[in-house]
Every structure is written in structure tokens, then in C-alpha cells.
Amino acid sequence: MENIGMYLIIYLILINLIAFLAMYVDKRKAKYGKWRIPEQTLFILALIGGSIGAIAGMYAFHHKTKKLRFSIGFPVILVLQIVLIISVWNDFIR
């Protein structure tokens, strides 16, 4: 059971790093008019655990900050993930 926690932490670090880098890559591609990462992909990365990295990348690179879909969507995903984690944790402790 202890290993599951360590694997989860490693997964979350990696998925958040990937989401952060995806925001960077998409910003660079937008700047140079190249093929972009689909918005759906950015949201999937946030949904599967990369919401902190996506939010950090959004503000670090000033990317998608004017799009309500992102500036509201990513934080809503993060809040839902926190609620889910707290709920699962409380069930696990009981």
C-alpha cells in the first residue's frame, strides 16, 4: 500500500510537468503560427491530474488567460480534483 502512494506522487509530478510543458509548447507554436496542441488535449491533461501544471503554465506563459474556458475551467477542474481526493481520503481512513 505504501508503494501506491509513491507511484501516485510520481505520476502527479510527471503529469503536471507534461501539462506545464504542453502550455509552453502551445504558446510557442501560437507565437510562430505553427500547428497547435488541440484545446481538448490541454483539458484532458488537466483532467487526468495535471491541473496544477496547466494553471501554472497558463499564467507563467500568459497563454489562454483571456479565454474563460481555460481561466475558469482549469481552476474548476482543480477544485473538483481536491474534493475527490478529500472524499477518497476520508473513505480510506474510516
N, C-alpha and C. Protein backbone atom coordinates (compact mmCIF):
# COMPACT_ATOMS: atom_id res chain seq x y z
N MET A 1 0.82 -1.19 0.00
CA MET A 1 0.00 0.00 0.00
C MET A 1 0.87 1.26 0.00
N GLU A 2 2.01 1.20 0.65
CA GLU A 2 2.91 2.35 0.69
C GLU A 2 3.42 2.71 -0.70
N ASN A 3 3.67 1.70 -1.53
CA ASN A 3 4.16 1.95 -2.88
C ASN A 3 3.13 2.67 -3.74
N ILE A 4 1.86 2.43 -3.49
CA ILE A 4 0.81 3.10 -4.27
C ILE A 4 0.91 4.61 -4.08
N GLY A 5 1.13 5.05 -2.87
CA GLY A 5 1.27 6.47 -2.59
C GLY A 5 2.46 7.07 -3.32
N MET A 6 3.56 6.35 -3.32
CA MET A 6 4.76 6.84 -4.01
C MET A 6 4.54 6.90 -5.51
N TYR A 7 3.88 5.87 -6.07
CA TYR A 7 3.59 5.87 -7.51
C TYR A 7 2.63 7.00 -7.87
N LEU A 8 1.68 7.27 -7.01
CA LEU A 8 0.73 8.36 -7.24
C LEU A 8 1.44 9.71 -7.24
N ILE A 9 2.34 9.91 -6.31
CA ILE A 9 3.10 11.16 -6.24
C ILE A 9 3.95 11.33 -7.50
N ILE A 10 4.63 10.27 -7.91
CA ILE A 10 5.45 10.33 -9.13
C ILE A 10 4.58 10.63 -10.34
N TYR A 11 3.42 9.97 -10.42
CA TYR A 11 2.50 10.21 -11.54
C TYR A 11 2.06 11.67 -11.57
N LEU A 12 1.67 12.20 -10.42
CA LEU A 12 1.19 13.58 -10.36
C LEU A 12 2.29 14.57 -10.73
N ILE A 13 3.49 14.32 -10.30
CA ILE A 13 4.61 15.20 -10.68
C ILE A 13 4.80 15.16 -12.19
N LEU A 14 4.81 13.97 -12.76
CA LEU A 14 5.03 13.84 -14.21
C LEU A 14 3.89 14.45 -15.03
N ILE A 15 2.64 14.17 -14.67
CA ILE A 15 1.52 14.68 -15.46
C ILE A 15 1.44 16.20 -15.36
N ASN A 16 1.79 16.76 -14.20
CA ASN A 16 1.78 18.22 -14.07
C ASN A 16 2.93 18.85 -14.85
N LEU A 17 4.06 18.20 -14.88
CA LEU A 17 5.17 18.68 -15.70
C LEU A 17 4.80 18.63 -17.19
N ILE A 18 4.16 17.56 -17.61
CA ILE A 18 3.73 17.43 -19.00
C ILE A 18 2.71 18.52 -19.35
N ALA A 19 1.75 18.77 -18.47
CA ALA A 19 0.74 19.80 -18.72
C ALA A 19 1.39 21.18 -18.79
N PHE A 20 2.33 21.44 -17.90
CA PHE A 20 3.05 22.72 -17.90
C PHE A 20 3.80 22.90 -19.21
N LEU A 21 4.51 21.86 -19.63
CA LEU A 21 5.28 21.93 -20.88
C LEU A 21 4.36 22.03 -22.10
N ALA A 22 3.19 21.39 -22.04
CA ALA A 22 2.24 21.48 -23.15
C ALA A 22 1.77 22.92 -23.33
N MET A 23 1.55 23.61 -22.23
CA MET A 23 1.15 25.03 -22.33
C MET A 23 2.28 25.85 -22.94
N TYR A 24 3.51 25.54 -22.58
CA TYR A 24 4.66 26.24 -23.14
C TYR A 24 4.78 25.99 -24.64
N VAL A 25 4.69 24.72 -25.02
CA VAL A 25 4.81 24.36 -26.43
C VAL A 25 3.69 25.00 -27.24
N ASP A 26 2.47 24.96 -26.73
CA ASP A 26 1.35 25.54 -27.45
C ASP A 26 1.52 27.05 -27.60
N LYS A 27 2.01 27.71 -26.58
CA LYS A 27 2.26 29.16 -26.66
C LYS A 27 3.30 29.47 -27.72
N ARG A 28 4.38 28.70 -27.73
CA ARG A 28 5.44 28.91 -28.74
C ARG A 28 4.90 28.69 -30.14
N LYS A 29 4.12 27.63 -30.32
CA LYS A 29 3.56 27.36 -31.64
C LYS A 29 2.59 28.46 -32.06
N ALA A 30 1.82 28.98 -31.12
CA ALA A 30 0.89 30.08 -31.43
C ALA A 30 1.66 31.32 -31.85
N LYS A 31 2.76 31.58 -31.18
CA LYS A 31 3.57 32.76 -31.46
C LYS A 31 4.13 32.73 -32.88
N TYR A 32 4.46 31.53 -33.35
CA TYR A 32 5.07 31.39 -34.68
C TYR A 32 4.10 30.87 -35.74
N GLY A 33 2.82 30.82 -35.40
CA GLY A 33 1.81 30.44 -36.38
C GLY A 33 1.90 29.00 -36.85
N LYS A 34 2.36 28.11 -36.00
CA LYS A 34 2.50 26.70 -36.37
C LYS A 34 1.33 25.89 -35.84
N TRP A 35 1.33 24.60 -36.19
CA TRP A 35 0.31 23.67 -35.74
C TRP A 35 0.25 23.70 -34.23
N ARG A 36 -0.96 23.73 -33.68
CA ARG A 36 -1.17 23.89 -32.25
C ARG A 36 -1.60 22.59 -31.59
N ILE A 37 -1.41 22.53 -30.28
CA ILE A 37 -1.93 21.43 -29.49
C ILE A 37 -3.43 21.67 -29.34
N PRO A 38 -4.26 20.69 -29.66
CA PRO A 38 -5.71 20.90 -29.53
C PRO A 38 -6.12 21.25 -28.10
N GLU A 39 -7.09 22.16 -27.99
CA GLU A 39 -7.56 22.56 -26.66
C GLU A 39 -8.07 21.36 -25.87
N GLN A 40 -8.68 20.42 -26.57
CA GLN A 40 -9.18 19.21 -25.91
C GLN A 40 -8.04 18.46 -25.22
N THR A 41 -6.89 18.42 -25.85
CA THR A 41 -5.73 17.75 -25.27
C THR A 41 -5.28 18.45 -23.99
N LEU A 42 -5.28 19.77 -24.01
CA LEU A 42 -4.89 20.53 -22.81
C LEU A 42 -5.85 20.25 -21.66
N PHE A 43 -7.15 20.17 -21.98
CA PHE A 43 -8.13 19.86 -20.94
C PHE A 43 -7.99 18.42 -20.44
N ILE A 44 -7.70 17.51 -21.33
CA ILE A 44 -7.50 16.10 -20.91
C ILE A 44 -6.32 16.01 -19.95
N LEU A 45 -5.24 16.71 -20.26
CA LEU A 45 -4.08 16.71 -19.37
C LEU A 45 -4.46 17.24 -17.98
N ALA A 46 -5.27 18.28 -17.95
CA ALA A 46 -5.73 18.82 -16.66
C ALA A 46 -6.62 17.81 -15.95
N LEU A 47 -7.53 17.19 -16.68
CA LEU A 47 -8.47 16.25 -16.08
C LEU A 47 -7.80 15.01 -15.50
N ILE A 48 -6.73 14.55 -16.12
CA ILE A 48 -6.08 13.32 -15.64
C ILE A 48 -5.03 13.61 -14.56
N GLY A 49 -5.10 14.81 -13.99
CA GLY A 49 -4.24 15.10 -12.84
C GLY A 49 -3.27 16.25 -13.03
N GLY A 50 -3.24 16.85 -14.21
CA GLY A 50 -2.27 17.90 -14.48
C GLY A 50 -2.81 19.31 -14.34
N SER A 51 -3.84 19.48 -13.55
CA SER A 51 -4.48 20.80 -13.46
C SER A 51 -3.55 21.87 -12.86
N ILE A 52 -2.76 21.50 -11.89
CA ILE A 52 -1.83 22.48 -11.29
C ILE A 52 -0.79 22.91 -12.31
N GLY A 53 -0.24 21.96 -13.04
CA GLY A 53 0.74 22.28 -14.08
C GLY A 53 0.13 23.10 -15.20
N ALA A 54 -1.11 22.79 -15.56
CA ALA A 54 -1.79 23.54 -16.62
C ALA A 54 -2.04 24.98 -16.18
N ILE A 55 -2.49 25.16 -14.95
CA ILE A 55 -2.73 26.51 -14.44
C ILE A 55 -1.40 27.28 -14.33
N ALA A 56 -0.39 26.63 -13.81
CA ALA A 56 0.93 27.28 -13.69
C ALA A 56 1.45 27.68 -15.06
N GLY A 57 1.32 26.79 -16.05
CA GLY A 57 1.78 27.10 -17.40
C GLY A 57 0.96 28.21 -18.04
N MET A 58 -0.34 28.20 -17.77
CA MET A 58 -1.21 29.23 -18.34
C MET A 58 -0.75 30.62 -17.89
N TYR A 59 -0.44 30.75 -16.61
CA TYR A 59 -0.04 32.07 -16.11
C TYR A 59 1.44 32.36 -16.32
N ALA A 60 2.28 31.35 -16.27
CA ALA A 60 3.72 31.57 -16.49
C ALA A 60 3.99 32.05 -17.92
N PHE A 61 3.24 31.52 -18.87
CA PHE A 61 3.47 31.85 -20.28
C PHE A 61 2.40 32.80 -20.83
N HIS A 62 1.51 33.29 -19.98
CA HIS A 62 0.42 34.18 -20.40
C HIS A 62 -0.31 33.59 -21.60
N HIS A 63 -0.68 32.33 -21.44
CA HIS A 63 -1.31 31.60 -22.55
C HIS A 63 -2.71 31.15 -22.16
N LYS A 64 -3.68 31.52 -22.96
CA LYS A 64 -5.09 31.16 -22.77
C LYS A 64 -5.71 31.86 -21.56
N THR A 65 -5.05 32.86 -21.01
CA THR A 65 -5.57 33.53 -19.81
C THR A 65 -6.81 34.36 -20.10
N LYS A 66 -7.01 34.77 -21.34
CA LYS A 66 -8.18 35.58 -21.69
C LYS A 66 -9.37 34.72 -22.11
N LYS A 67 -9.14 33.44 -22.24
CA LYS A 67 -10.23 32.53 -22.60
C LYS A 67 -10.88 32.02 -21.32
N LEU A 68 -12.15 32.40 -21.12
CA LEU A 68 -12.85 31.98 -19.90
C LEU A 68 -12.89 30.47 -19.75
N ARG A 69 -12.96 29.80 -20.88
CA ARG A 69 -12.99 28.34 -20.86
C ARG A 69 -11.78 27.78 -20.09
N PHE A 70 -10.65 28.44 -20.21
CA PHE A 70 -9.43 27.99 -19.54
C PHE A 70 -9.27 28.65 -18.17
N SER A 71 -9.46 29.96 -18.11
CA SER A 71 -9.21 30.68 -16.85
C SER A 71 -10.21 30.27 -15.76
N ILE A 72 -11.36 29.77 -16.16
CA ILE A 72 -12.32 29.24 -15.19
C ILE A 72 -12.27 27.71 -15.17
N GLY A 73 -12.14 27.11 -16.34
CA GLY A 73 -12.18 25.65 -16.46
C GLY A 73 -11.09 24.93 -15.69
N PHE A 74 -9.84 25.38 -15.84
CA PHE A 74 -8.74 24.70 -15.14
C PHE A 74 -8.90 24.78 -13.62
N PRO A 75 -9.20 25.97 -13.05
CA PRO A 75 -9.40 26.01 -11.60
C PRO A 75 -10.59 25.17 -11.12
N VAL A 76 -11.66 25.11 -11.91
CA VAL A 76 -12.81 24.28 -11.53
C VAL A 76 -12.39 22.81 -11.50
N ILE A 77 -11.61 22.40 -12.49
CA ILE A 77 -11.11 21.02 -12.51
C ILE A 77 -10.27 20.76 -11.27
N LEU A 78 -9.40 21.69 -10.92
CA LEU A 78 -8.55 21.53 -9.74
C LEU A 78 -9.39 21.40 -8.46
N VAL A 79 -10.38 22.24 -8.31
CA VAL A 79 -11.24 22.18 -7.12
C VAL A 79 -11.95 20.83 -7.06
N LEU A 80 -12.48 20.38 -8.19
CA LEU A 80 -13.16 19.07 -8.22
C LEU A 80 -12.19 17.94 -7.87
N GLN A 81 -10.95 18.04 -8.35
CA GLN A 81 -9.96 17.02 -8.02
C GLN A 81 -9.64 17.03 -6.52
N ILE A 82 -9.54 18.21 -5.93
CA ILE A 82 -9.28 18.31 -4.49
C ILE A 82 -10.43 17.72 -3.70
N VAL A 83 -11.67 18.03 -4.09
CA VAL A 83 -12.85 17.47 -3.42
C VAL A 83 -12.84 15.95 -3.54
N LEU A 84 -12.51 15.44 -4.71
CA LEU A 84 -12.45 13.98 -4.92
C LEU A 84 -11.38 13.35 -4.03
N ILE A 85 -10.22 13.96 -3.97
CA ILE A 85 -9.13 13.43 -3.14
C ILE A 85 -9.53 13.41 -1.67
N ILE A 86 -10.14 14.50 -1.20
CA ILE A 86 -10.57 14.56 0.20
C ILE A 86 -11.63 13.50 0.47
N SER A 87 -12.55 13.32 -0.47
CA SER A 87 -13.60 12.33 -0.31
C SER A 87 -13.02 10.91 -0.24
N VAL A 88 -12.13 10.61 -1.15
CA VAL A 88 -11.50 9.28 -1.17
C VAL A 88 -10.67 9.07 0.08
N TRP A 89 -9.93 10.10 0.48
CA TRP A 89 -9.09 10.01 1.69
C TRP A 89 -9.96 9.74 2.92
N ASN A 90 -11.08 10.46 3.05
CA ASN A 90 -11.96 10.26 4.19
C ASN A 90 -12.56 8.85 4.20
N ASP A 91 -12.92 8.34 3.05
CA ASP A 91 -13.43 6.97 2.96
C ASP A 91 -12.35 5.96 3.31
N PHE A 92 -11.12 6.25 2.93
CA PHE A 92 -10.00 5.34 3.19
C PHE A 92 -9.68 5.28 4.67
N ILE A 93 -9.77 6.41 5.36
CA ILE A 93 -9.43 6.49 6.77
C ILE A 93 -10.48 5.77 7.63
N ARG A 94 -11.74 5.83 7.21
CA ARG A 94 -12.82 5.21 8.01
C ARG A 94 -12.68 3.75 8.04
